[in-house]
Amino acid sequence: MEVLYQRIHQTLAALTHTPRNEDKTSPDSITPRTQPRNYEAFCSRVDSFRPGLWNVFEVSPLECARWGWHIIEKDILQCITCQEVVCAALPNLVDRDAHEKFLTLLKDCLVNSHKTACGWRHNPSPKELTQPPSVTTVEQLHNMTNSAHSLAALGSSLPQLDQHTLMSTMVQNLQKDSGLMECCYQS
């Protein structure tokens, strides 16, 4: 019976042990815990997907970040907690079947390539973190409108933006979400 308790204790110790780098004095040397609802940590993971590093357009960096992955090299993901690594390089589209097979495998790896005890395996960040924030006040609506006008001033370097349709949609959403019956917009 005592042997069983020792094995349980060793197993629990192994699961709760936080690996450290060589520099034990640095707070960054501690492997991060699973914090799926931490918006700043989520944004940090998304921010690691710099232009030119991620070429798998069929899988969003937002989805990778939801499952605890950040990018460490071109098309190479690493879990921020368990440190597992996934190569996301896909075969050329010339071989469509191979490309689709590897893409399916990659999507599966986002979930299942974590170590068994890694918290990300069964507890990703909520999908809400991948959505733009909702506009709930008139002030937020005006701020977003001002931002849209600033972007529109950039002209042809941006995609076409129909401001009237955007504003109508935003006002409808604002009225629906907050019960606001009247909203005045002055251009």
Protein backbone atom coordinates (compact mmCIF):
# COMPACT_ATOMS: atom_id res chain seq x y z
CA MET A 1 0.00 0.00 0.00
CA GLU A 2 2.85 2.36 0.82
CA VAL A 3 4.36 1.71 -2.60
CA LEU A 4 1.07 2.75 -4.18
CA TYR A 5 1.07 6.03 -2.22
CA GLN A 6 4.66 6.69 -3.28
CA ARG A 7 3.80 6.12 -6.94
CA ILE A 8 0.77 8.41 -6.68
CA HIS A 9 2.92 11.07 -5.00
CA GLN A 10 5.60 10.75 -7.70
CA THR A 11 3.01 10.94 -10.46
CA LEU A 12 1.40 14.05 -8.95
CA ALA A 13 4.80 15.63 -8.44
CA ALA A 14 5.69 14.96 -12.07
CA LEU A 15 2.40 16.47 -13.27
CA THR A 16 2.70 19.59 -11.14
CA HIS A 17 6.43 20.13 -11.62
CA THR A 18 7.14 23.30 -13.57
CA PRO A 19 10.25 22.89 -15.73
CA ARG A 20 12.74 25.74 -15.50
CA ASN A 21 15.43 26.99 -17.81
CA GLU A 22 19.06 27.38 -16.76
CA ASP A 23 18.48 30.88 -15.36
CA LYS A 24 16.40 30.19 -12.27
CA THR A 25 16.30 33.84 -11.19
CA SER A 26 14.39 35.12 -14.20
CA PRO A 27 10.59 35.14 -13.93
CA ASP A 28 10.48 34.35 -17.66
CA SER A 29 12.31 31.09 -17.04
CA ILE A 30 9.18 29.46 -15.64
CA THR A 31 7.05 27.65 -18.20
CA PRO A 32 3.70 29.46 -18.44
CA ARG A 33 0.63 27.82 -16.99
CA THR A 34 -2.43 27.15 -19.05
CA GLN A 35 -4.48 30.35 -18.97
CA PRO A 36 -7.08 29.96 -21.70
CA ARG A 37 -9.14 32.99 -20.64
CA ASN A 38 -6.20 35.39 -20.35
CA TYR A 39 -6.80 37.83 -23.21
CA GLU A 40 -3.33 39.41 -23.05
CA ALA A 41 -1.66 36.00 -23.22
CA PHE A 42 -3.92 35.07 -26.14
CA CYS A 43 -2.94 38.27 -27.97
CA SER A 44 0.72 37.56 -27.29
CA ARG A 45 0.40 34.13 -28.91
CA VAL A 46 -1.41 35.62 -31.91
CA ASP A 47 1.22 38.36 -32.18
CA SER A 48 3.94 35.74 -32.62
CA PHE A 49 2.52 34.97 -36.09
CA ARG A 50 4.52 37.65 -37.88
CA PRO A 51 4.24 38.16 -41.65
CA GLY A 52 6.22 35.57 -43.55
CA LEU A 53 6.31 33.08 -40.67
CA TRP A 54 2.90 31.48 -41.19
CA ASN A 55 2.05 30.13 -44.63
CA VAL A 56 -0.82 27.81 -43.76
CA PHE A 57 -3.69 30.03 -44.85
CA GLU A 58 -6.26 27.30 -44.25
CA VAL A 59 -5.56 27.41 -40.49
CA SER A 60 -5.95 30.73 -38.72
CA PRO A 61 -3.30 31.97 -36.28
CA LEU A 62 -6.27 32.71 -34.01
CA GLU A 63 -7.17 29.02 -33.95
CA CYS A 64 -3.57 28.04 -33.23
CA ALA A 65 -3.41 30.55 -30.38
CA ARG A 66 -6.72 29.26 -28.99
CA TRP A 67 -5.06 25.89 -28.45
CA GLY A 68 -1.96 27.35 -26.75
CA TRP A 69 0.41 27.45 -29.73
CA HIS A 70 2.74 30.23 -30.74
CA ILE A 71 5.09 30.29 -33.71
CA ILE A 72 8.81 29.89 -33.12
CA GLU A 73 10.09 29.58 -36.70
CA LYS A 74 8.58 29.58 -40.15
CA ASP A 75 5.60 27.18 -39.98
CA ILE A 76 6.82 25.68 -36.68
CA LEU A 77 4.44 25.85 -33.70
CA GLN A 78 5.30 25.30 -30.05
CA CYS A 79 2.97 24.93 -27.10
CA ILE A 80 3.63 27.62 -24.53
CA THR A 81 3.03 25.18 -21.68
CA CYS A 82 4.21 21.67 -22.55
CA GLN A 83 6.78 22.87 -25.13
CA GLU A 84 5.69 20.28 -27.73
CA VAL A 85 6.50 21.26 -31.32
CA VAL A 86 4.41 20.84 -34.47
CA CYS A 87 5.71 21.31 -37.99
CA ALA A 88 2.98 22.94 -40.06
CA ALA A 89 4.68 22.89 -43.45
CA LEU A 90 2.23 21.47 -45.97
CA PRO A 91 3.00 19.71 -49.25
CA ASN A 92 2.69 21.71 -52.44
CA LEU A 93 -0.84 22.16 -53.77
CA VAL A 94 0.18 20.27 -56.91
CA ASP A 95 -0.57 17.08 -54.99
CA ARG A 96 -4.04 18.06 -53.76
CA ASP A 97 -4.69 14.76 -51.94
CA ALA A 98 -1.44 14.95 -49.97
CA HIS A 99 -2.10 18.60 -49.17
CA GLU A 100 -5.59 17.86 -47.84
CA LYS A 101 -4.35 14.85 -45.86
CA PHE A 102 -1.59 16.87 -44.18
CA LEU A 103 -3.97 19.78 -43.55
CA THR A 104 -6.39 17.44 -41.76
CA LEU A 105 -3.49 16.02 -39.78
CA LEU A 106 -2.32 19.52 -38.83
CA LYS A 107 -5.77 20.49 -37.57
CA ASP A 108 -5.80 17.33 -35.46
CA CYS A 109 -2.31 18.11 -34.16
CA LEU A 110 -3.46 21.49 -32.83
CA VAL A 111 -5.49 19.56 -30.27
CA ASN A 112 -3.73 16.24 -29.85
CA SER A 113 -0.02 17.05 -30.07
CA HIS A 114 0.08 18.46 -26.56
CA LYS A 115 1.55 16.25 -23.87
CA THR A 116 -1.09 14.18 -22.12
CA ALA A 117 -1.04 16.31 -18.97
CA CYS A 118 -1.00 19.65 -20.81
CA GLY A 119 -4.00 21.80 -19.96
CA TRP A 120 -4.42 23.04 -23.53
CA ARG A 121 -5.30 19.57 -24.75
CA HIS A 122 -8.81 19.75 -23.28
CA ASN A 123 -9.15 23.42 -22.39
CA PRO A 124 -8.60 25.85 -25.28
CA SER A 125 -9.24 29.57 -25.11
CA PRO A 126 -12.89 30.42 -25.69
CA LYS A 127 -13.91 31.16 -29.28
CA GLU A 128 -15.11 34.58 -28.10
CA LEU A 129 -11.47 35.69 -27.89
CA THR A 130 -11.18 35.23 -31.66
CA GLN A 131 -14.12 37.54 -32.38
CA PRO A 132 -13.96 41.33 -32.65
CA PRO A 133 -15.38 43.14 -29.64
CA SER A 134 -19.04 44.06 -29.92
CA VAL A 135 -20.10 47.68 -30.03
CA THR A 136 -22.44 48.30 -27.12
CA THR A 137 -22.48 52.08 -26.61
CA VAL A 138 -22.97 55.14 -28.77
CA GLU A 139 -19.48 56.30 -27.78
CA GLN A 140 -17.94 53.06 -29.04
CA LEU A 141 -19.95 53.43 -32.24
CA HIS A 142 -18.62 56.95 -32.79
CA ASN A 143 -15.05 55.83 -32.02
CA MET A 144 -15.35 53.02 -34.54
CA THR A 145 -16.82 55.42 -37.08
CA ASN A 146 -13.93 57.84 -36.59
CA SER A 147 -11.50 54.97 -37.08
CA ALA A 148 -13.33 53.95 -40.26
CA HIS A 149 -13.08 57.53 -41.57
CA SER A 150 -9.36 57.61 -40.78
CA LEU A 151 -8.85 54.35 -42.62
CA ALA A 152 -10.97 55.55 -45.54
CA ALA A 153 -8.67 58.57 -45.85
CA LEU A 154 -5.90 56.16 -46.82
CA GLY A 155 -7.76 55.68 -50.07
CA SER A 156 -6.89 53.03 -52.60
CA SER A 157 -4.28 51.36 -50.41
CA LEU A 158 -7.14 49.71 -48.50
CA PRO A 159 -9.95 47.42 -49.66
CA GLN A 160 -13.21 49.14 -50.63
CA LEU A 161 -15.35 50.03 -47.59
CA ASP A 162 -19.02 50.92 -47.86
CA GLN A 163 -19.41 53.22 -44.85
CA HIS A 164 -23.19 53.47 -45.10
CA THR A 165 -23.66 49.69 -45.01
CA LEU A 166 -21.12 49.38 -42.20
CA MET A 167 -22.87 52.04 -40.13
CA SER A 168 -26.33 50.58 -40.79
CA THR A 169 -25.17 47.14 -39.70
CA MET A 170 -23.48 48.51 -36.60
CA VAL A 171 -26.54 50.55 -35.61
CA GLN A 172 -28.79 47.52 -36.07
CA ASN A 173 -26.47 45.41 -33.92
CA LEU A 174 -26.26 48.14 -31.31
CA GLN A 175 -30.04 48.45 -31.15
CA LYS A 176 -30.49 44.69 -30.98
CA ASP A 177 -27.76 44.10 -28.37
CA SER A 178 -28.39 46.99 -26.02
CA GLY A 179 -32.05 47.78 -26.57
CA LEU A 180 -31.14 51.25 -27.77
CA MET A 181 -34.08 52.52 -29.80
CA GLU A 182 -32.56 55.63 -31.34
CA CYS A 183 -29.07 56.32 -32.46
CA CYS A 184 -28.11 59.50 -34.20
CA TYR A 185 -25.13 59.43 -36.48
CA GLN A 186 -23.81 62.60 -37.98
CA SER A 187 -21.18 62.37 -40.67
